[in-house]
Amino acid sequence: MPELEWPPFDPGALVGLVGGVVFFGSWVLQAIETRQAGQPVVSWRFFAMRITGSLLLVVESIRVQSPGLFLVNLATLGLMAYNLFMAWSAEPAESS
């Protein structure tokens, strides 16, 4: 079995790693909120986390010079921004 060789650590890669963790964390948040509500829930927090993760992944795609990754994450960023706007528009103001 061939050994997996990791390239030398690049501190710039932290942006992409954090972006990936935040992006995945939005799914965890959605699952927790759904479990608590007892029905599917997609809150503004989910969209906010997606925007943050997508923005970091756009920066990472520029760093690694990946046009495909850049376009996918830029489109995701735009769609999540629209969804966040719609979620804020639809929710009544919270008291806390």
N, C-alpha and C. Protein backbone atom coordinates (compact mmCIF):
# COMPACT_ATOMS: atom_id res chain seq x y z
N MET A 1 0.85 -1.18 0.00
CA MET A 1 0.00 0.00 0.00
C MET A 1 0.90 1.24 0.00
N PRO A 2 0.65 2.17 -0.94
CA PRO A 2 1.50 3.37 -0.99
C PRO A 2 1.22 4.28 0.20
N GLU A 3 2.29 4.95 0.63
CA GLU A 3 2.15 5.87 1.75
C GLU A 3 1.67 7.23 1.26
N LEU A 4 0.84 7.86 2.07
CA LEU A 4 0.37 9.20 1.76
C LEU A 4 1.39 10.19 2.27
N GLU A 5 1.91 11.01 1.38
CA GLU A 5 2.89 12.01 1.77
C GLU A 5 2.24 13.38 1.76
N TRP A 6 2.26 14.05 2.90
CA TRP A 6 1.69 15.39 3.02
C TRP A 6 2.73 16.41 2.62
N PRO A 7 2.30 17.41 1.87
CA PRO A 7 3.25 18.48 1.52
C PRO A 7 3.61 19.28 2.77
N PRO A 8 4.66 20.07 2.73
CA PRO A 8 5.00 20.90 3.89
C PRO A 8 3.82 21.81 4.25
N PHE A 9 3.65 22.07 5.53
CA PHE A 9 2.52 22.87 5.99
C PHE A 9 2.64 24.29 5.47
N ASP A 10 1.54 24.79 4.93
CA ASP A 10 1.47 26.15 4.40
C ASP A 10 0.47 26.93 5.26
N PRO A 11 0.93 27.93 6.03
CA PRO A 11 0.01 28.68 6.88
C PRO A 11 -1.16 29.30 6.11
N GLY A 12 -0.97 29.60 4.83
CA GLY A 12 -2.05 30.15 4.02
C GLY A 12 -3.20 29.16 3.86
N ALA A 13 -2.92 27.88 4.01
CA ALA A 13 -3.96 26.86 3.88
C ALA A 13 -4.95 26.91 5.04
N LEU A 14 -4.61 27.59 6.11
CA LEU A 14 -5.53 27.69 7.26
C LEU A 14 -6.84 28.35 6.87
N VAL A 15 -6.80 29.30 5.95
CA VAL A 15 -8.02 29.96 5.50
C VAL A 15 -8.98 28.93 4.92
N GLY A 16 -8.48 28.08 4.05
CA GLY A 16 -9.31 27.04 3.45
C GLY A 16 -9.78 26.02 4.46
N LEU A 17 -8.90 25.65 5.39
CA LEU A 17 -9.30 24.69 6.42
C LEU A 17 -10.39 25.24 7.32
N VAL A 18 -10.24 26.48 7.75
CA VAL A 18 -11.25 27.11 8.59
C VAL A 18 -12.55 27.25 7.80
N GLY A 19 -12.46 27.64 6.53
CA GLY A 19 -13.64 27.74 5.69
C GLY A 19 -14.38 26.42 5.58
N GLY A 20 -13.64 25.34 5.40
CA GLY A 20 -14.24 24.01 5.32
C GLY A 20 -14.90 23.60 6.62
N VAL A 21 -14.26 23.90 7.74
CA VAL A 21 -14.83 23.57 9.05
C VAL A 21 -16.11 24.37 9.29
N VAL A 22 -16.10 25.66 8.98
CA VAL A 22 -17.29 26.48 9.16
C VAL A 22 -18.41 26.00 8.24
N PHE A 23 -18.08 25.69 6.99
CA PHE A 23 -19.07 25.21 6.03
C PHE A 23 -19.70 23.91 6.54
N PHE A 24 -18.87 22.97 6.99
CA PHE A 24 -19.39 21.71 7.54
C PHE A 24 -20.16 21.97 8.83
N GLY A 25 -19.66 22.89 9.65
CA GLY A 25 -20.34 23.22 10.90
C GLY A 25 -21.75 23.72 10.70
N SER A 26 -22.02 24.34 9.55
CA SER A 26 -23.38 24.81 9.27
C SER A 26 -24.33 23.62 9.16
N TRP A 27 -23.86 22.49 8.64
CA TRP A 27 -24.69 21.30 8.58
C TRP A 27 -24.95 20.75 9.98
N VAL A 28 -23.94 20.79 10.83
CA VAL A 28 -24.11 20.33 12.21
C VAL A 28 -25.12 21.21 12.92
N LEU A 29 -25.01 22.52 12.76
CA LEU A 29 -25.96 23.46 13.35
C LEU A 29 -27.37 23.16 12.86
N GLN A 30 -27.53 22.94 11.56
CA GLN A 30 -28.84 22.66 11.00
C GLN A 30 -29.42 21.38 11.59
N ALA A 31 -28.59 20.36 11.77
CA ALA A 31 -29.06 19.10 12.35
C ALA A 31 -29.48 19.29 13.80
N ILE A 32 -28.72 20.06 14.56
CA ILE A 32 -29.06 20.32 15.97
C ILE A 32 -30.37 21.09 16.06
N GLU A 33 -30.51 22.15 15.26
CA GLU A 33 -31.74 22.95 15.30
C GLU A 33 -32.94 22.12 14.84
N THR A 34 -32.75 21.25 13.86
CA THR A 34 -33.83 20.38 13.39
C THR A 34 -34.24 19.41 14.49
N ARG A 35 -33.27 18.83 15.16
CA ARG A 35 -33.57 17.88 16.25
C ARG A 35 -34.33 18.58 17.37
N GLN A 36 -33.89 19.78 17.74
CA GLN A 36 -34.56 20.51 18.82
C GLN A 36 -35.99 20.89 18.44
N ALA A 37 -36.22 21.24 17.18
CA ALA A 37 -37.56 21.66 16.74
C ALA A 37 -38.46 20.47 16.41
N GLY A 38 -37.86 19.31 16.16
CA GLY A 38 -38.64 18.14 15.80
C GLY A 38 -39.14 18.17 14.36
N GLN A 39 -38.62 19.09 13.58
CA GLN A 39 -38.95 19.20 12.15
C GLN A 39 -37.80 19.91 11.45
N PRO A 40 -37.71 19.78 10.13
CA PRO A 40 -36.60 20.43 9.42
C PRO A 40 -36.58 21.95 9.66
N VAL A 41 -35.40 22.45 9.99
CA VAL A 41 -35.20 23.87 10.26
C VAL A 41 -33.96 24.34 9.52
N VAL A 42 -34.09 25.45 8.84
CA VAL A 42 -32.94 26.11 8.23
C VAL A 42 -33.02 27.57 8.68
N SER A 43 -32.22 27.92 9.66
CA SER A 43 -32.28 29.26 10.27
C SER A 43 -31.32 30.23 9.58
N TRP A 44 -31.44 31.49 9.96
CA TRP A 44 -30.52 32.52 9.44
C TRP A 44 -29.09 32.21 9.86
N ARG A 45 -28.92 31.52 11.01
CA ARG A 45 -27.57 31.16 11.47
C ARG A 45 -26.88 30.22 10.47
N PHE A 46 -27.67 29.28 9.93
CA PHE A 46 -27.16 28.36 8.92
C PHE A 46 -26.62 29.14 7.72
N PHE A 47 -27.43 30.09 7.22
CA PHE A 47 -27.01 30.87 6.07
C PHE A 47 -25.80 31.75 6.40
N ALA A 48 -25.76 32.31 7.60
CA ALA A 48 -24.63 33.15 8.00
C ALA A 48 -23.33 32.32 8.05
N MET A 49 -23.44 31.09 8.57
CA MET A 49 -22.26 30.23 8.60
C MET A 49 -21.84 29.84 7.19
N ARG A 50 -22.80 29.59 6.32
CA ARG A 50 -22.50 29.25 4.94
C ARG A 50 -21.80 30.40 4.23
N ILE A 51 -22.26 31.62 4.47
CA ILE A 51 -21.63 32.79 3.87
C ILE A 51 -20.18 32.91 4.33
N THR A 52 -19.97 32.75 5.63
CA THR A 52 -18.62 32.83 6.19
C THR A 52 -17.71 31.75 5.57
N GLY A 53 -18.20 30.51 5.57
CA GLY A 53 -17.41 29.42 5.00
C GLY A 53 -17.12 29.62 3.52
N SER A 54 -18.15 30.04 2.78
CA SER A 54 -17.97 30.27 1.34
C SER A 54 -16.97 31.39 1.06
N LEU A 55 -17.05 32.46 1.85
CA LEU A 55 -16.12 33.57 1.67
C LEU A 55 -14.67 33.11 1.90
N LEU A 56 -14.46 32.34 2.96
CA LEU A 56 -13.12 31.82 3.22
C LEU A 56 -12.66 30.87 2.11
N LEU A 57 -13.58 30.07 1.58
CA LEU A 57 -13.22 29.16 0.50
C LEU A 57 -12.98 29.89 -0.81
N VAL A 58 -13.64 31.03 -1.03
CA VAL A 58 -13.33 31.86 -2.20
C VAL A 58 -11.89 32.37 -2.10
N VAL A 59 -11.52 32.84 -0.92
CA VAL A 59 -10.14 33.30 -0.70
C VAL A 59 -9.16 32.16 -0.94
N GLU A 60 -9.48 30.97 -0.44
CA GLU A 60 -8.61 29.81 -0.64
C GLU A 60 -8.50 29.45 -2.12
N SER A 61 -9.60 29.53 -2.85
CA SER A 61 -9.56 29.18 -4.27
C SER A 61 -8.68 30.16 -5.05
N ILE A 62 -8.67 31.41 -4.63
CA ILE A 62 -7.77 32.39 -5.26
C ILE A 62 -6.32 32.04 -4.93
N ARG A 63 -6.08 31.66 -3.67
CA ARG A 63 -4.73 31.32 -3.24
C ARG A 63 -4.17 30.14 -4.02
N VAL A 64 -5.02 29.12 -4.25
CA VAL A 64 -4.53 27.93 -4.96
C VAL A 64 -4.77 28.02 -6.47
N GLN A 65 -5.34 29.14 -6.90
CA GLN A 65 -5.58 29.42 -8.32
C GLN A 65 -6.45 28.34 -8.97
N SER A 66 -7.63 28.12 -8.35
CA SER A 66 -8.57 27.14 -8.87
C SER A 66 -9.83 27.83 -9.37
N PRO A 67 -9.95 28.03 -10.68
CA PRO A 67 -11.14 28.71 -11.21
C PRO A 67 -12.44 27.97 -10.89
N GLY A 68 -12.43 26.65 -10.93
CA GLY A 68 -13.64 25.87 -10.64
C GLY A 68 -14.09 26.07 -9.20
N LEU A 69 -13.17 25.93 -8.27
CA LEU A 69 -13.48 26.13 -6.86
C LEU A 69 -13.94 27.56 -6.61
N PHE A 70 -13.31 28.51 -7.27
CA PHE A 70 -13.68 29.92 -7.12
C PHE A 70 -15.13 30.15 -7.57
N LEU A 71 -15.48 29.66 -8.75
CA LEU A 71 -16.83 29.89 -9.28
C LEU A 71 -17.90 29.21 -8.44
N VAL A 72 -17.66 27.98 -8.01
CA VAL A 72 -18.64 27.26 -7.19
C VAL A 72 -18.86 27.99 -5.87
N ASN A 73 -17.79 28.40 -5.22
CA ASN A 73 -17.94 29.07 -3.92
C ASN A 73 -18.47 30.49 -4.05
N LEU A 74 -18.14 31.16 -5.14
CA LEU A 74 -18.70 32.49 -5.37
C LEU A 74 -20.21 32.40 -5.59
N ALA A 75 -20.65 31.41 -6.38
CA ALA A 75 -22.08 31.21 -6.60
C ALA A 75 -22.78 30.83 -5.30
N THR A 76 -22.16 29.96 -4.50
CA THR A 76 -22.73 29.58 -3.21
C THR A 76 -22.83 30.78 -2.30
N LEU A 77 -21.81 31.61 -2.29
CA LEU A 77 -21.81 32.83 -1.48
C LEU A 77 -22.99 33.72 -1.87
N GLY A 78 -23.20 33.93 -3.15
CA GLY A 78 -24.31 34.76 -3.61
C GLY A 78 -25.66 34.17 -3.24
N LEU A 79 -25.82 32.87 -3.42
CA LEU A 79 -27.09 32.21 -3.09
C LEU A 79 -27.37 32.25 -1.60
N MET A 80 -26.36 32.04 -0.79
CA MET A 80 -26.55 32.08 0.66
C MET A 80 -26.85 33.49 1.14
N ALA A 81 -26.25 34.50 0.52
CA ALA A 81 -26.55 35.89 0.87
C ALA A 81 -28.02 36.20 0.56
N TYR A 82 -28.49 35.74 -0.59
CA TYR A 82 -29.90 35.92 -0.94
C TYR A 82 -30.81 35.22 0.08
N ASN A 83 -30.47 33.97 0.42
CA ASN A 83 -31.27 33.21 1.39
C ASN A 83 -31.26 33.87 2.76
N LEU A 84 -30.12 34.40 3.18
CA LEU A 84 -30.05 35.10 4.46
C LEU A 84 -30.95 36.33 4.44
N PHE A 85 -30.91 37.09 3.36
CA PHE A 85 -31.78 38.25 3.21
C PHE A 85 -33.24 37.83 3.32
N MET A 86 -33.62 36.75 2.63
CA MET A 86 -35.00 36.27 2.67
C MET A 86 -35.39 35.79 4.07
N ALA A 87 -34.46 35.12 4.75
CA ALA A 87 -34.75 34.63 6.10
C ALA A 87 -34.95 35.80 7.06
N TRP A 88 -34.11 36.83 6.96
CA TRP A 88 -34.27 38.00 7.81
C TRP A 88 -35.56 38.74 7.50
N SER A 89 -35.94 38.78 6.24
CA SER A 89 -37.16 39.47 5.84
C SER A 89 -38.41 38.75 6.34
N ALA A 90 -38.34 37.42 6.42
CA ALA A 90 -39.51 36.61 6.77
C ALA A 90 -39.70 36.45 8.27
N GLU A 91 -38.60 36.50 9.06
CA GLU A 91 -38.70 36.26 10.50
C GLU A 91 -39.21 37.48 11.23
N PRO A 92 -40.15 37.28 12.16
CA PRO A 92 -40.53 38.40 13.01
C PRO A 92 -39.36 38.77 13.91
N ALA A 93 -39.30 40.01 14.32
CA ALA A 93 -38.21 40.47 15.19
C ALA A 93 -38.22 39.68 16.49
N GLU A 94 -37.02 39.20 16.89
CA GLU A 94 -36.91 38.45 18.14
C GLU A 94 -36.77 39.43 19.30
N SER A 95 -37.30 39.03 20.45
CA SER A 95 -37.26 39.93 21.62
C SER A 95 -35.92 39.90 22.31
N SER A 96 -35.08 38.88 22.05
CA SER A 96 -33.77 38.83 22.70
C SER A 96 -32.65 38.81 21.71
